[in-house]
Amino acid sequence: MLFVLVDKPTANIQQAWFIPSFDFDRLANHLAGGTKRRITASTKPGSNDQWRPYRLMFSELSDRILSVLDDLEQST
């Protein structure tokens, strides 16, 4: 799952949360009888919320995606 924080005036992506779907399902708040999920993640540098391990600066996102793809390729 990919969540992004977009600066509205410039349309620049500042931060992203790249969360494996298994972790998202396990950690996200379950709403509406379990059919909807929601995260509340902090953008503060010192934050230690449960989504912190998945938070990236936009400039780090492409390397992280490529790393996950490499791991998937090696596991097959």
PDB file of N, CA and C in Angstrom:
ATOM      1  N   MET A   1       0.853  -1.151   0.000  1.00  0.00           N
ATOM      2  CA  MET A   1       0.000   0.000   0.000  1.00  0.00           C
ATOM      3  C   MET A   1       0.908   1.225   0.000  1.00  0.00           C
ATOM      4  N   LEU A   2       0.500   2.213  -0.771  1.00  0.00           N
ATOM      5  CA  LEU A   2       1.277   3.445  -0.853  1.00  0.00           C
ATOM      6  C   LEU A   2       0.381   4.620  -0.483  1.00  0.00           C
ATOM      7  N   PHE A   3       0.832   5.375   0.501  1.00  0.00           N
ATOM      8  CA  PHE A   3       0.149   6.593   0.914  1.00  0.00           C
ATOM      9  C   PHE A   3       1.143   7.730   0.742  1.00  0.00           C
ATOM     10  N   VAL A   4       0.675   8.862   0.263  1.00  0.00           N
ATOM     11  CA  VAL A   4       1.574   9.991   0.037  1.00  0.00           C
ATOM     12  C   VAL A   4       1.012  11.259   0.657  1.00  0.00           C
ATOM     13  N   LEU A   5       1.915  12.134   1.057  1.00  0.00           N
ATOM     14  CA  LEU A   5       1.568  13.459   1.547  1.00  0.00           C
ATOM     15  C   LEU A   5       1.923  14.438   0.443  1.00  0.00           C
ATOM     16  N   VAL A   6       0.922  15.126  -0.074  1.00  0.00           N
ATOM     17  CA  VAL A   6       1.116  16.034  -1.199  1.00  0.00           C
ATOM     18  C   VAL A   6       0.969  17.474  -0.714  1.00  0.00           C
ATOM     19  N   ASP A   7       1.945  18.299  -1.068  1.00  0.00           N
ATOM     20  CA  ASP A   7       1.859  19.732  -0.802  1.00  0.00           C
ATOM     21  C   ASP A   7       0.898  20.322  -1.823  1.00  0.00           C
ATOM     22  N   LYS A   8      -0.260  20.749  -1.381  1.00  0.00           N
ATOM     23  CA  LYS A   8      -1.323  21.174  -2.294  1.00  0.00           C
ATOM     24  C   LYS A   8      -0.921  22.316  -3.238  1.00  0.00           C
ATOM     25  N   PRO A   9      -0.294  23.387  -2.756  1.00  0.00           N
ATOM     26  CA  PRO A   9       0.028  24.487  -3.682  1.00  0.00           C
ATOM     27  C   PRO A   9       0.996  24.106  -4.806  1.00  0.00           C
ATOM     28  N   THR A  10       1.936  23.191  -4.510  1.00  0.00           N
ATOM     29  CA  THR A  10       2.941  22.844  -5.517  1.00  0.00           C
ATOM     30  C   THR A  10       2.735  21.468  -6.139  1.00  0.00           C
ATOM     31  N   ALA A  11       1.854  20.671  -5.558  1.00  0.00           N
ATOM     32  CA  ALA A  11       1.592  19.284  -5.985  1.00  0.00           C
ATOM     33  C   ALA A  11       2.821  18.397  -5.845  1.00  0.00           C
ATOM     34  N   ASN A  12       3.760  18.792  -4.986  1.00  0.00           N
ATOM     35  CA  ASN A  12       4.945  17.972  -4.731  1.00  0.00           C
ATOM     36  C   ASN A  12       4.641  16.945  -3.651  1.00  0.00           C
ATOM     37  N   ILE A  13       5.159  15.749  -3.858  1.00  0.00           N
ATOM     38  CA  ILE A  13       5.038  14.717  -2.839  1.00  0.00           C
ATOM     39  C   ILE A  13       6.198  14.913  -1.868  1.00  0.00           C
ATOM     40  N   GLN A  14       5.851  15.073  -0.591  1.00  0.00           N
ATOM     41  CA  GLN A  14       6.873  15.326   0.413  1.00  0.00           C
ATOM     42  C   GLN A  14       7.304  14.047   1.116  1.00  0.00           C
ATOM     43  N   GLN A  15       6.327  13.282   1.568  1.00  0.00           N
ATOM     44  CA  GLN A  15       6.614  12.047   2.277  1.00  0.00           C
ATOM     45  C   GLN A  15       5.675  10.964   1.767  1.00  0.00           C
ATOM     46  N   ALA A  16       6.077   9.730   2.027  1.00  0.00           N
ATOM     47  CA  ALA A  16       5.256   8.597   1.623  1.00  0.00           C
ATOM     48  C   ALA A  16       5.341   7.517   2.695  1.00  0.00           C
ATOM     49  N   TRP A  17       4.326   6.688   2.742  1.00  0.00           N
ATOM     50  CA  TRP A  17       4.313   5.511   3.585  1.00  0.00           C
ATOM     51  C   TRP A  17       4.096   4.329   2.648  1.00  0.00           C
ATOM     52  N   PHE A  18       5.073   3.448   2.586  1.00  0.00           N
ATOM     53  CA  PHE A  18       5.032   2.275   1.719  1.00  0.00           C
ATOM     54  C   PHE A  18       4.882   1.064   2.634  1.00  0.00           C
ATOM     55  N   ILE A  19       3.659   0.534   2.699  1.00  0.00           N
ATOM     56  CA  ILE A  19       3.304  -0.458   3.709  1.00  0.00           C
ATOM     57  C   ILE A  19       2.916  -1.770   3.041  1.00  0.00           C
ATOM     58  N   PRO A  20       3.577  -2.866   3.397  1.00  0.00           N
ATOM     59  CA  PRO A  20       3.137  -4.161   2.869  1.00  0.00           C
ATOM     60  C   PRO A  20       1.673  -4.413   3.242  1.00  0.00           C
ATOM     61  N   SER A  21       0.925  -4.977   2.341  1.00  0.00           N
ATOM     62  CA  SER A  21      -0.515  -5.137   2.563  1.00  0.00           C
ATOM     63  C   SER A  21      -0.819  -5.965   3.809  1.00  0.00           C
ATOM     64  N   PHE A  22       0.010  -6.961   4.104  1.00  0.00           N
ATOM     65  CA  PHE A  22      -0.206  -7.771   5.309  1.00  0.00           C
ATOM     66  C   PHE A  22      -0.109  -6.899   6.557  1.00  0.00           C
ATOM     67  N   ASP A  23       0.912  -6.040   6.621  1.00  0.00           N
ATOM     68  CA  ASP A  23       1.088  -5.147   7.770  1.00  0.00           C
ATOM     69  C   ASP A  23      -0.041  -4.121   7.841  1.00  0.00           C
ATOM     70  N   PHE A  24      -0.435  -3.620   6.689  1.00  0.00           N
ATOM     71  CA  PHE A  24      -1.544  -2.657   6.659  1.00  0.00           C
ATOM     72  C   PHE A  24      -2.805  -3.286   7.238  1.00  0.00           C
ATOM     73  N   ASP A  25      -3.124  -4.487   6.816  1.00  0.00           N
ATOM     74  CA  ASP A  25      -4.333  -5.156   7.300  1.00  0.00           C
ATOM     75  C   ASP A  25      -4.249  -5.417   8.804  1.00  0.00           C
ATOM     76  N   ARG A  26      -3.077  -5.761   9.274  1.00  0.00           N
ATOM     77  CA  ARG A  26      -2.895  -6.097  10.689  1.00  0.00           C
ATOM     78  C   ARG A  26      -2.910  -4.859  11.583  1.00  0.00           C
ATOM     79  N   LEU A  27      -2.334  -3.744  11.107  1.00  0.00           N
ATOM     80  CA  LEU A  27      -2.134  -2.570  11.961  1.00  0.00           C
ATOM     81  C   LEU A  27      -3.168  -1.459  11.799  1.00  0.00           C
ATOM     82  N   ALA A  28      -3.802  -1.377  10.647  1.00  0.00           N
ATOM     83  CA  ALA A  28      -4.732  -0.268  10.393  1.00  0.00           C
ATOM     84  C   ALA A  28      -5.980  -0.396  11.262  1.00  0.00           C
ATOM     85  N   ASN A  29      -6.554   0.738  11.593  1.00  0.00           N
ATOM     86  CA  ASN A  29      -7.817   0.745  12.316  1.00  0.00           C
ATOM     87  C   ASN A  29      -8.905   0.169  11.419  1.00  0.00           C
ATOM     88  N   HIS A  30      -9.693  -0.752  11.973  1.00  0.00           N
ATOM     89  CA  HIS A  30     -10.785  -1.366  11.218  1.00  0.00           C
ATOM     90  C   HIS A  30     -12.069  -0.580  11.488  1.00  0.00           C
ATOM     91  N   LEU A  31     -12.718  -0.147  10.417  1.00  0.00           N
ATOM     92  CA  LEU A  31     -13.950   0.638  10.508  1.00  0.00           C
ATOM     93  C   LEU A  31     -15.072  -0.082   9.784  1.00  0.00           C
ATOM     94  N   ALA A  32     -16.276   0.353  10.011  1.00  0.00           N
ATOM     95  CA  ALA A  32     -17.464  -0.122   9.283  1.00  0.00           C
ATOM     96  C   ALA A  32     -17.545  -1.647   9.257  1.00  0.00           C
ATOM     97  N   GLY A  33     -17.484  -2.241  10.429  1.00  0.00           N
ATOM     98  CA  GLY A  33     -17.614  -3.681  10.504  1.00  0.00           C
ATOM     99  C   GLY A  33     -16.424  -4.432   9.926  1.00  0.00           C
ATOM    100  N   GLY A  34     -15.283  -3.785   9.840  1.00  0.00           N
ATOM    101  CA  GLY A  34     -14.081  -4.439   9.362  1.00  0.00           C
ATOM    102  C   GLY A  34     -13.857  -4.355   7.867  1.00  0.00           C
ATOM    103  N   THR A  35     -14.746  -3.679   7.139  1.00  0.00           N
ATOM    104  CA  THR A  35     -14.605  -3.614   5.685  1.00  0.00           C
ATOM    105  C   THR A  35     -13.764  -2.428   5.220  1.00  0.00           C
ATOM    106  N   LYS A  36     -13.498  -1.484   6.112  1.00  0.00           N
ATOM    107  CA  LYS A  36     -12.681  -0.320   5.766  1.00  0.00           C
ATOM    108  C   LYS A  36     -11.517  -0.230   6.732  1.00  0.00           C
ATOM    109  N   ARG A  37     -10.398   0.312   6.245  1.00  0.00           N
ATOM    110  CA  ARG A  37      -9.201   0.493   7.072  1.00  0.00           C
ATOM    111  C   ARG A  37      -8.782   1.959   7.030  1.00  0.00           C
ATOM    112  N   ARG A  38      -8.144   2.403   8.120  1.00  0.00           N
ATOM    113  CA  ARG A  38      -7.663   3.786   8.175  1.00  0.00           C
ATOM    114  C   ARG A  38      -6.361   3.829   8.957  1.00  0.00           C
ATOM    115  N   ILE A  39      -5.430   4.658   8.472  1.00  0.00           N
ATOM    116  CA  ILE A  39      -4.208   4.898   9.247  1.00  0.00           C
ATOM    117  C   ILE A  39      -4.175   6.363   9.657  1.00  0.00           C
ATOM    118  N   THR A  40      -3.534   6.612  10.769  1.00  0.00           N
ATOM    119  CA  THR A  40      -3.249   7.969  11.214  1.00  0.00           C
ATOM    120  C   THR A  40      -1.758   8.006  11.492  1.00  0.00           C
ATOM    121  N   ALA A  41      -1.023   8.617  10.579  1.00  0.00           N
ATOM    122  CA  ALA A  41       0.438   8.627  10.657  1.00  0.00           C
ATOM    123  C   ALA A  41       0.937  10.051  10.853  1.00  0.00           C
ATOM    124  N   SER A  42       1.988  10.160  11.620  1.00  0.00           N
ATOM    125  CA  SER A  42       2.585  11.465  11.896  1.00  0.00           C
ATOM    126  C   SER A  42       3.688  11.777  10.892  1.00  0.00           C
ATOM    127  N   THR A  43       3.809  13.049  10.575  1.00  0.00           N
ATOM    128  CA  THR A  43       4.903  13.505   9.702  1.00  0.00           C
ATOM    129  C   THR A  43       6.053  14.097  10.510  1.00  0.00           C
ATOM    130  N   LYS A  44       5.910  14.175  11.811  1.00  0.00           N
ATOM    131  CA  LYS A  44       6.948  14.776  12.654  1.00  0.00           C
ATOM    132  C   LYS A  44       8.184  13.884  12.679  1.00  0.00           C
ATOM    133  N   PRO A  45       9.365  14.495  12.499  1.00  0.00           N
ATOM    134  CA  PRO A  45      10.607  13.710  12.453  1.00  0.00           C
ATOM    135  C   PRO A  45      10.832  12.827  13.686  1.00  0.00           C
ATOM    136  N   GLY A  46      10.479  13.294  14.861  1.00  0.00           N
ATOM    137  CA  GLY A  46      10.712  12.526  16.082  1.00  0.00           C
ATOM    138  C   GLY A  46       9.602  11.558  16.437  1.00  0.00           C
ATOM    139  N   SER A  47       8.597  11.486  15.607  1.00  0.00           N
ATOM    140  CA  SER A  47       7.457  10.623  15.900  1.00  0.00           C
ATOM    141  C   SER A  47       7.871   9.160  15.929  1.00  0.00           C
ATOM    142  N   ASN A  48       7.249   8.429  16.822  1.00  0.00           N
ATOM    143  CA  ASN A  48       7.520   7.003  16.898  1.00  0.00           C
ATOM    144  C   ASN A  48       6.211   6.223  16.822  1.00  0.00           C
ATOM    145  N   ASP A  49       5.283   6.676  15.969  1.00  0.00           N
ATOM    146  CA  ASP A  49       4.018   5.964  15.839  1.00  0.00           C
ATOM    147  C   ASP A  49       4.230   4.647  15.098  1.00  0.00           C
ATOM    148  N   GLN A  50       3.216   3.817  15.068  1.00  0.00           N
ATOM    149  CA  GLN A  50       3.359   2.481  14.484  1.00  0.00           C
ATOM    150  C   GLN A  50       3.653   2.500  12.984  1.00  0.00           C
ATOM    151  N   TRP A  51       3.425   3.635  12.334  1.00  0.00           N
ATOM    152  CA  TRP A  51       3.671   3.727  10.893  1.00  0.00           C
ATOM    153  C   TRP A  51       5.058   4.272  10.574  1.00  0.00           C
ATOM    154  N   ARG A  52       5.815   4.669  11.579  1.00  0.00           N
ATOM    155  CA  ARG A  52       7.140   5.251  11.374  1.00  0.00           C
ATOM    156  C   ARG A  52       8.078   4.359  10.550  1.00  0.00           C
ATOM    157  N   PRO A  53       8.101   3.049  10.797  1.00  0.00           N
ATOM    158  CA  PRO A  53       9.020   2.201  10.020  1.00  0.00           C
ATOM    159  C   PRO A  53       8.743   2.212   8.508  1.00  0.00           C
ATOM    160  N   TYR A  54       7.566   2.635   8.120  1.00  0.00           N
ATOM    161  CA  TYR A  54       7.171   2.623   6.709  1.00  0.00           C
ATOM    162  C   TYR A  54       7.287   3.997   6.048  1.00  0.00           C
ATOM    163  N   ARG A  55       7.601   5.018   6.844  1.00  0.00           N
ATOM    164  CA  ARG A  55       7.640   6.392   6.328  1.00  0.00           C
ATOM    165  C   ARG A  55       8.942   6.658   5.599  1.00  0.00           C
ATOM    166  N   LEU A  56       8.838   7.306   4.453  1.00  0.00           N
ATOM    167  CA  LEU A  56       9.988   7.641   3.622  1.00  0.00           C
ATOM    168  C   LEU A  56       9.865   9.062   3.118  1.00  0.00           C
ATOM    169  N   MET A  57      10.986   9.674   2.878  1.00  0.00           N
ATOM    170  CA  MET A  57      10.966  10.906   2.104  1.00  0.00           C
ATOM    171  C   MET A  57      10.733  10.485   0.657  1.00  0.00           C
ATOM    172  N   PHE A  58      10.139  11.330  -0.124  1.00  0.00           N
ATOM    173  CA  PHE A  58       9.821  10.973  -1.505  1.00  0.00           C
ATOM    174  C   PHE A  58      11.071  10.535  -2.269  1.00  0.00           C
ATOM    175  N   SER A  59      12.190  11.169  -1.983  1.00  0.00           N
ATOM    176  CA  SER A  59      13.435  10.831  -2.681  1.00  0.00           C
ATOM    177  C   SER A  59      13.907   9.406  -2.373  1.00  0.00           C
ATOM    178  N   GLU A  60      13.416   8.798  -1.301  1.00  0.00           N
ATOM    179  CA  GLU A  60      13.791   7.429  -0.929  1.00  0.00           C
ATOM    180  C   GLU A  60      12.849   6.376  -1.506  1.00  0.00           C
ATOM    181  N   LEU A  61      11.720   6.809  -2.008  1.00  0.00           N
ATOM    182  CA  LEU A  61      10.666   5.876  -2.406  1.00  0.00           C
ATOM    183  C   LEU A  61      11.077   4.947  -3.539  1.00  0.00           C
ATOM    184  N   SER A  62      11.687   5.461  -4.578  1.00  0.00           N
ATOM    185  CA  SER A  62      12.024   4.601  -5.716  1.00  0.00           C
ATOM    186  C   SER A  62      13.011   3.508  -5.312  1.00  0.00           C
ATOM    187  N   ASP A  63      14.008   3.826  -4.481  1.00  0.00           N
ATOM    188  CA  ASP A  63      14.948   2.808  -4.024  1.00  0.00           C
ATOM    189  C   ASP A  63      14.244   1.738  -3.192  1.00  0.00           C
ATOM    190  N   ARG A  64      13.304   2.164  -2.364  1.00  0.00           N
ATOM    191  CA  ARG A  64      12.573   1.194  -1.524  1.00  0.00           C
ATOM    192  C   ARG A  64      11.720   0.265  -2.388  1.00  0.00           C
ATOM    193  N   ILE A  65      11.039   0.802  -3.367  1.00  0.00           N
ATOM    194  CA  ILE A  65      10.220  -0.019  -4.263  1.00  0.00           C
ATOM    195  C   ILE A  65      11.105  -1.019  -5.006  1.00  0.00           C
ATOM    196  N   LEU A  66      12.236  -0.555  -5.523  1.00  0.00           N
ATOM    197  CA  LEU A  66      13.145  -1.458  -6.232  1.00  0.00           C
ATOM    198  C   LEU A  66      13.696  -2.549  -5.315  1.00  0.00           C
ATOM    199  N   SER A  67      13.950  -2.218  -4.071  1.00  0.00           N
ATOM    200  CA  SER A  67      14.434  -3.195  -3.100  1.00  0.00           C
ATOM    201  C   SER A  67      13.385  -4.280  -2.849  1.00  0.00           C
ATOM    202  N   VAL A  68      12.152  -3.872  -2.692  1.00  0.00           N
ATOM    203  CA  VAL A  68      11.067  -4.843  -2.485  1.00  0.00           C
ATOM    204  C   VAL A  68      10.908  -5.733  -3.708  1.00  0.00           C
ATOM    205  N   LEU A  69      10.987  -5.153  -4.885  1.00  0.00           N
ATOM    206  CA  LEU A  69      10.874  -5.947  -6.113  1.00  0.00           C
ATOM    207  C   LEU A  69      12.027  -6.939  -6.223  1.00  0.00           C
ATOM    208  N   ASP A  70      13.228  -6.521  -5.860  1.00  0.00           N
ATOM    209  CA  ASP A  70      14.375  -7.430  -5.868  1.00  0.00           C
ATOM    210  C   ASP A  70      14.146  -8.591  -4.895  1.00  0.00           C
ATOM    211  N   ASP A  71      13.652  -8.272  -3.695  1.00  0.00           N
ATOM    212  CA  ASP A  71      13.383  -9.314  -2.708  1.00  0.00           C
ATOM    213  C   ASP A  71      12.336 -10.302  -3.229  1.00  0.00           C
ATOM    214  N   LEU A  72      11.314  -9.797  -3.875  1.00  0.00           N
ATOM    215  CA  LEU A  72      10.286 -10.682  -4.430  1.00  0.00           C
ATOM    216  C   LEU A  72      10.853 -11.578  -5.512  1.00  0.00           C
ATOM    217  N   GLU A  73      11.703 -11.003  -6.363  1.00  0.00           N
ATOM    218  CA  GLU A  73      12.306 -11.781  -7.451  1.00  0.00           C
ATOM    219  C   GLU A  73      13.194 -12.887  -6.905  1.00  0.00           C
ATOM    220  N   GLN A  74      13.934 -12.606  -5.842  1.00  0.00           N
ATOM    221  CA  GLN A  74      14.841 -13.591  -5.253  1.00  0.00           C
ATOM    222  C   GLN A  74      14.086 -14.693  -4.522  1.00  0.00           C
ATOM    223  N   SER A  75      12.886 -14.401  -4.062  1.00  0.00           N
ATOM    224  CA  SER A  75      12.120 -15.403  -3.313  1.00  0.00           C
ATOM    225  C   SER A  75      11.371 -16.384  -4.215  1.00  0.00           C
ATOM    226  N   THR A  76      11.377 -16.141  -5.527  1.00  0.00           N
ATOM    227  CA  THR A  76      10.661 -17.054  -6.430  1.00  0.00           C
ATOM    228  C   THR A  76      11.582 -18.065  -7.042  1.00  0.00           C
TER     229      THR A  76
END
